[in-house]
Amino acid sequence: MSSPADQIKSVPLTPALYDYIVAQAEPPTPVQERLIARTRALGGPSQMQIPHEQGVLLTLLARLTGARRIVEVGTFTGYSTLALAAGLAPGGTVLTCDISTEWTTIAQDAWEEAGLRDRIDLRIAPALDTLRALPAEPYIDVVFLDADKTGYRAYWDELVPRVRPGGLLLADNVLYGGAAADADAEGNGLAIREFNTHVRADKRVESLLLPIADGLTIAHKR
């Protein structure tokens, strides 16, 4: 019997092919372009910003679910928050968690410029404290995890019971540069590998890991 590796149909992602894929997405708005430029000016930390095509996907998923209540763990400079807020149903809110006032100041400038600031509830505090204080009933439509990798499993376990049936949980960086596939992974790579195993075994959801950017898990609450 052949293994899945014998049936690979994926196409190697060359720079030219990646440019083509990005060109098929909605282009960045002027506000997004300015936020990308301002984030790149930070240097090394700018790598934490999601790529534009992933932002387009977040907006699309928020719209497809008719999301009114979104919880994001990890704000950084607010690009993913901006994308999620753009896909909200009327009257909806994105609650986003971070501990940096420096980076989220950049985020708030962009949200204000985009006219979306009133849809975003920024909480500056340890994310677990914020999540544990949320209502216990299942009311969240979409979750997006993009924060410290060693905290993913704890965030997941707080959030899954609070997501409504039919809601989505999204987790970024679940390939972690390929380290998640390494049986000898250490540090953040090991944390992500263990998180992926936890998600795959979680009977409350059905999930799929997609090779978008650094890996994106999409889980549907049963």
Protein backbone atom coordinates (compact mmCIF):
# COMPACT_ATOMS: atom_id res chain seq x y z
CA MET A 1 0.00 0.00 0.00
CA SER A 2 1.40 3.39 -0.96
CA SER A 3 2.02 6.03 1.68
CA PRO A 4 0.70 9.59 1.47
CA ALA A 5 4.24 10.68 0.58
CA ASP A 6 3.94 8.63 -2.64
CA GLN A 7 0.89 10.64 -3.66
CA ILE A 8 2.20 14.18 -3.25
CA LYS A 9 0.54 16.58 -5.65
CA SER A 10 1.86 19.82 -4.19
CA VAL A 11 3.80 22.26 -6.37
CA PRO A 12 7.21 23.52 -5.17
CA LEU A 13 6.79 27.12 -4.06
CA THR A 14 9.29 29.15 -6.07
CA PRO A 15 9.53 32.94 -5.65
CA ALA A 16 7.79 33.41 -8.99
CA LEU A 17 4.94 31.08 -8.01
CA TYR A 18 4.58 32.77 -4.63
CA ASP A 19 4.32 36.18 -6.34
CA TYR A 20 1.64 34.73 -8.61
CA ILE A 21 -0.33 33.38 -5.63
CA VAL A 22 -0.18 36.72 -3.83
CA ALA A 23 -1.34 38.47 -7.01
CA GLN A 24 -4.54 36.38 -6.93
CA ALA A 25 -5.51 37.87 -3.55
CA GLU A 26 -7.19 41.19 -2.95
CA PRO A 27 -4.39 43.80 -2.94
CA PRO A 28 -3.45 45.61 0.28
CA THR A 29 -5.37 48.75 1.05
CA PRO A 30 -3.36 51.98 1.45
CA VAL A 31 -3.71 51.61 5.24
CA GLN A 32 -2.37 48.05 5.07
CA GLU A 33 0.53 49.15 2.88
CA ARG A 34 1.49 51.84 5.39
CA LEU A 35 1.21 49.37 8.28
CA ILE A 36 3.42 46.87 6.43
CA ALA A 37 6.04 49.58 5.85
CA ARG A 38 5.92 50.80 9.45
CA THR A 39 6.27 47.25 10.75
CA ARG A 40 9.18 46.46 8.43
CA ALA A 41 10.97 49.50 9.87
CA LEU A 42 11.11 47.65 13.21
CA GLY A 43 13.73 45.29 11.75
CA GLY A 44 13.90 41.75 13.14
CA PRO A 45 10.56 41.76 14.98
CA SER A 46 8.77 42.53 11.70
CA GLN A 47 8.93 38.82 10.89
CA MET A 48 6.06 38.34 13.34
CA GLN A 49 3.63 40.12 11.02
CA ILE A 50 1.43 37.74 9.03
CA PRO A 51 1.80 37.92 5.24
CA HIS A 52 -0.85 39.79 3.31
CA GLU A 53 -2.44 36.74 1.70
CA GLN A 54 -2.99 35.26 5.15
CA GLY A 55 -4.72 38.47 6.16
CA VAL A 56 -7.01 38.15 3.15
CA LEU A 57 -7.88 34.63 4.31
CA LEU A 58 -8.68 35.86 7.84
CA THR A 59 -11.06 38.48 6.46
CA LEU A 60 -12.72 35.89 4.26
CA LEU A 61 -13.16 33.38 7.09
CA ALA A 62 -14.61 36.04 9.37
CA ARG A 63 -17.13 36.94 6.65
CA LEU A 64 -17.99 33.33 5.85
CA THR A 65 -18.80 32.60 9.48
CA GLY A 66 -20.77 35.81 9.94
CA ALA A 67 -18.50 36.47 12.90
CA ARG A 68 -19.63 38.94 15.53
CA ARG A 69 -17.29 37.84 18.32
CA ILE A 70 -13.63 37.18 17.53
CA VAL A 71 -10.83 36.58 20.03
CA GLU A 72 -7.21 37.01 18.98
CA VAL A 73 -4.20 36.08 21.10
CA GLY A 74 -1.18 38.06 19.93
CA THR A 75 -1.70 41.51 18.41
CA PHE A 76 1.81 42.71 17.50
CA THR A 77 1.34 45.73 15.18
CA GLY A 78 -2.24 44.84 14.41
CA TYR A 79 -2.23 43.55 10.83
CA SER A 80 -4.17 40.37 11.60
CA THR A 81 -6.49 42.32 13.91
CA LEU A 82 -7.19 44.74 11.07
CA ALA A 83 -7.95 41.83 8.72
CA LEU A 84 -10.30 40.16 11.20
CA ALA A 85 -12.11 43.41 12.01
CA ALA A 86 -12.66 44.05 8.29
CA GLY A 87 -14.59 40.77 8.06
CA LEU A 88 -16.84 41.29 11.08
CA ALA A 89 -20.61 41.31 10.80
CA PRO A 90 -22.24 44.66 11.72
CA GLY A 91 -21.94 45.28 15.45
CA GLY A 92 -19.17 42.73 15.86
CA THR A 93 -16.00 43.04 17.93
CA VAL A 94 -12.47 41.66 17.88
CA LEU A 95 -11.01 41.21 21.36
CA THR A 96 -7.24 41.10 20.95
CA CYS A 97 -4.67 40.26 23.64
CA ASP A 98 -1.08 41.45 23.93
CA ILE A 99 1.44 42.64 26.51
CA SER A 100 3.30 45.24 24.42
CA THR A 101 2.21 48.86 24.50
CA GLU A 102 4.97 49.81 22.04
CA TRP A 103 3.84 47.54 19.22
CA THR A 104 0.12 47.95 19.86
CA THR A 105 0.48 51.74 19.63
CA ILE A 106 1.42 51.19 15.99
CA ALA A 107 -1.60 48.89 15.68
CA GLN A 108 -4.01 51.44 17.11
CA ASP A 109 -2.83 54.11 14.69
CA ALA A 110 -3.63 51.78 11.77
CA TRP A 111 -7.01 50.75 13.16
CA GLU A 112 -7.96 54.39 13.62
CA GLU A 113 -6.85 55.27 10.10
CA ALA A 114 -8.89 52.36 8.69
CA GLY A 115 -12.00 53.47 10.59
CA LEU A 116 -12.13 50.17 12.51
CA ARG A 117 -10.95 51.23 15.96
CA ASP A 118 -14.45 51.01 17.43
CA ARG A 119 -14.66 47.32 16.46
CA ILE A 120 -11.49 46.35 18.36
CA ASP A 121 -11.16 45.73 22.10
CA LEU A 122 -7.44 45.72 22.95
CA ARG A 123 -6.50 44.12 26.28
CA ILE A 124 -2.96 44.74 27.53
CA ALA A 125 -2.40 41.94 30.05
CA PRO A 126 -1.16 38.33 30.14
CA ALA A 127 -3.45 36.55 27.67
CA LEU A 128 -4.36 33.71 30.03
CA ASP A 129 -5.66 36.22 32.57
CA THR A 130 -7.81 37.84 29.90
CA LEU A 131 -9.12 34.53 28.56
CA ARG A 132 -9.97 33.12 31.98
CA ALA A 133 -12.04 36.22 32.72
CA LEU A 134 -14.21 35.75 29.60
CA PRO A 135 -17.78 34.39 29.90
CA ALA A 136 -17.73 30.62 30.25
CA GLU A 137 -20.51 29.91 27.75
CA PRO A 138 -19.84 29.05 24.06
CA TYR A 139 -20.27 32.42 22.35
CA ILE A 140 -17.09 33.07 20.31
CA ASP A 141 -17.31 32.73 16.52
CA VAL A 142 -13.62 32.82 15.53
CA VAL A 143 -10.33 32.47 17.41
CA PHE A 144 -6.88 33.35 16.06
CA LEU A 145 -3.75 32.25 17.94
CA ASP A 146 -0.48 33.97 17.03
CA ALA A 147 1.46 34.55 20.24
CA ASP A 148 4.08 32.76 22.36
CA LYS A 149 4.26 29.21 21.09
CA THR A 150 4.72 27.62 24.50
CA GLY A 151 1.38 29.11 25.53
CA TYR A 152 -0.67 27.76 22.62
CA ARG A 153 -1.98 24.69 24.39
CA ALA A 154 -3.15 26.66 27.45
CA TYR A 155 -4.84 29.26 25.24
CA TRP A 156 -6.49 26.50 23.22
CA ASP A 157 -7.87 24.77 26.30
CA GLU A 158 -9.35 28.04 27.59
CA LEU A 159 -10.89 28.96 24.25
CA VAL A 160 -12.33 25.73 22.82
CA PRO A 161 -15.17 25.57 25.41
CA ARG A 162 -15.98 29.22 24.69
CA VAL A 163 -16.30 28.77 20.92
CA ARG A 164 -19.81 28.15 19.65
CA PRO A 165 -20.63 24.96 17.72
CA GLY A 166 -19.74 25.69 14.12
CA GLY A 167 -17.16 28.29 15.12
CA LEU A 168 -13.53 28.30 14.00
CA LEU A 169 -10.20 28.18 15.80
CA LEU A 170 -7.15 29.25 13.78
CA ALA A 171 -3.55 28.80 14.91
CA ASP A 172 -0.57 30.34 13.14
CA ASN A 173 3.05 29.13 12.85
CA VAL A 174 2.08 25.48 13.27
CA LEU A 175 4.95 24.36 11.02
CA TYR A 176 7.43 26.60 12.85
CA GLY A 177 9.87 26.73 9.98
CA GLY A 178 9.58 22.96 9.53
CA ALA A 179 10.64 22.16 13.11
CA ALA A 180 7.18 20.77 13.91
CA ALA A 181 7.93 17.77 11.69
CA ASP A 182 11.20 17.01 13.48
CA ALA A 183 10.96 14.27 16.12
CA ASP A 184 13.98 15.86 17.83
CA ALA A 185 12.49 19.36 17.93
CA GLU A 186 13.32 21.54 20.92
CA GLY A 187 12.08 24.81 22.37
CA ASN A 188 9.31 26.49 20.39
CA GLY A 189 9.48 23.80 17.71
CA LEU A 190 8.76 21.13 20.31
CA ALA A 191 5.98 23.24 21.84
CA ILE A 192 4.30 23.54 18.45
CA ARG A 193 4.78 19.83 17.70
CA GLU A 194 3.09 18.96 21.01
CA PHE A 195 0.34 21.52 20.36
CA ASN A 196 -0.37 19.99 16.94
CA THR A 197 -0.65 16.54 18.54
CA HIS A 198 -3.04 17.96 21.14
CA VAL A 199 -5.25 19.55 18.48
CA ARG A 200 -5.31 16.42 16.35
CA ALA A 201 -6.46 14.37 19.36
CA ASP A 202 -9.13 16.90 20.41
CA LYS A 203 -12.50 15.29 19.66
CA ARG A 204 -14.29 18.61 20.18
CA VAL A 205 -13.05 19.79 16.79
CA GLU A 206 -12.26 18.62 13.29
CA SER A 207 -9.06 20.20 12.02
CA LEU A 208 -6.65 20.55 9.14
CA LEU A 209 -3.12 21.96 9.01
CA LEU A 210 -2.62 24.02 5.85
CA PRO A 211 0.80 24.98 4.38
CA ILE A 212 -0.03 28.69 4.30
CA ALA A 213 2.86 30.94 5.32
CA ASP A 214 4.45 29.18 8.34
CA GLY A 215 1.51 26.79 8.66
CA LEU A 216 -2.09 27.56 9.63
CA THR A 217 -4.38 25.15 11.46
CA ILE A 218 -8.11 25.57 10.85
CA ALA A 219 -10.32 23.77 13.38
CA HIS A 220 -14.12 23.57 13.25
CA LYS A 221 -15.94 23.24 16.59
CA ARG A 222 -18.27 20.25 16.48
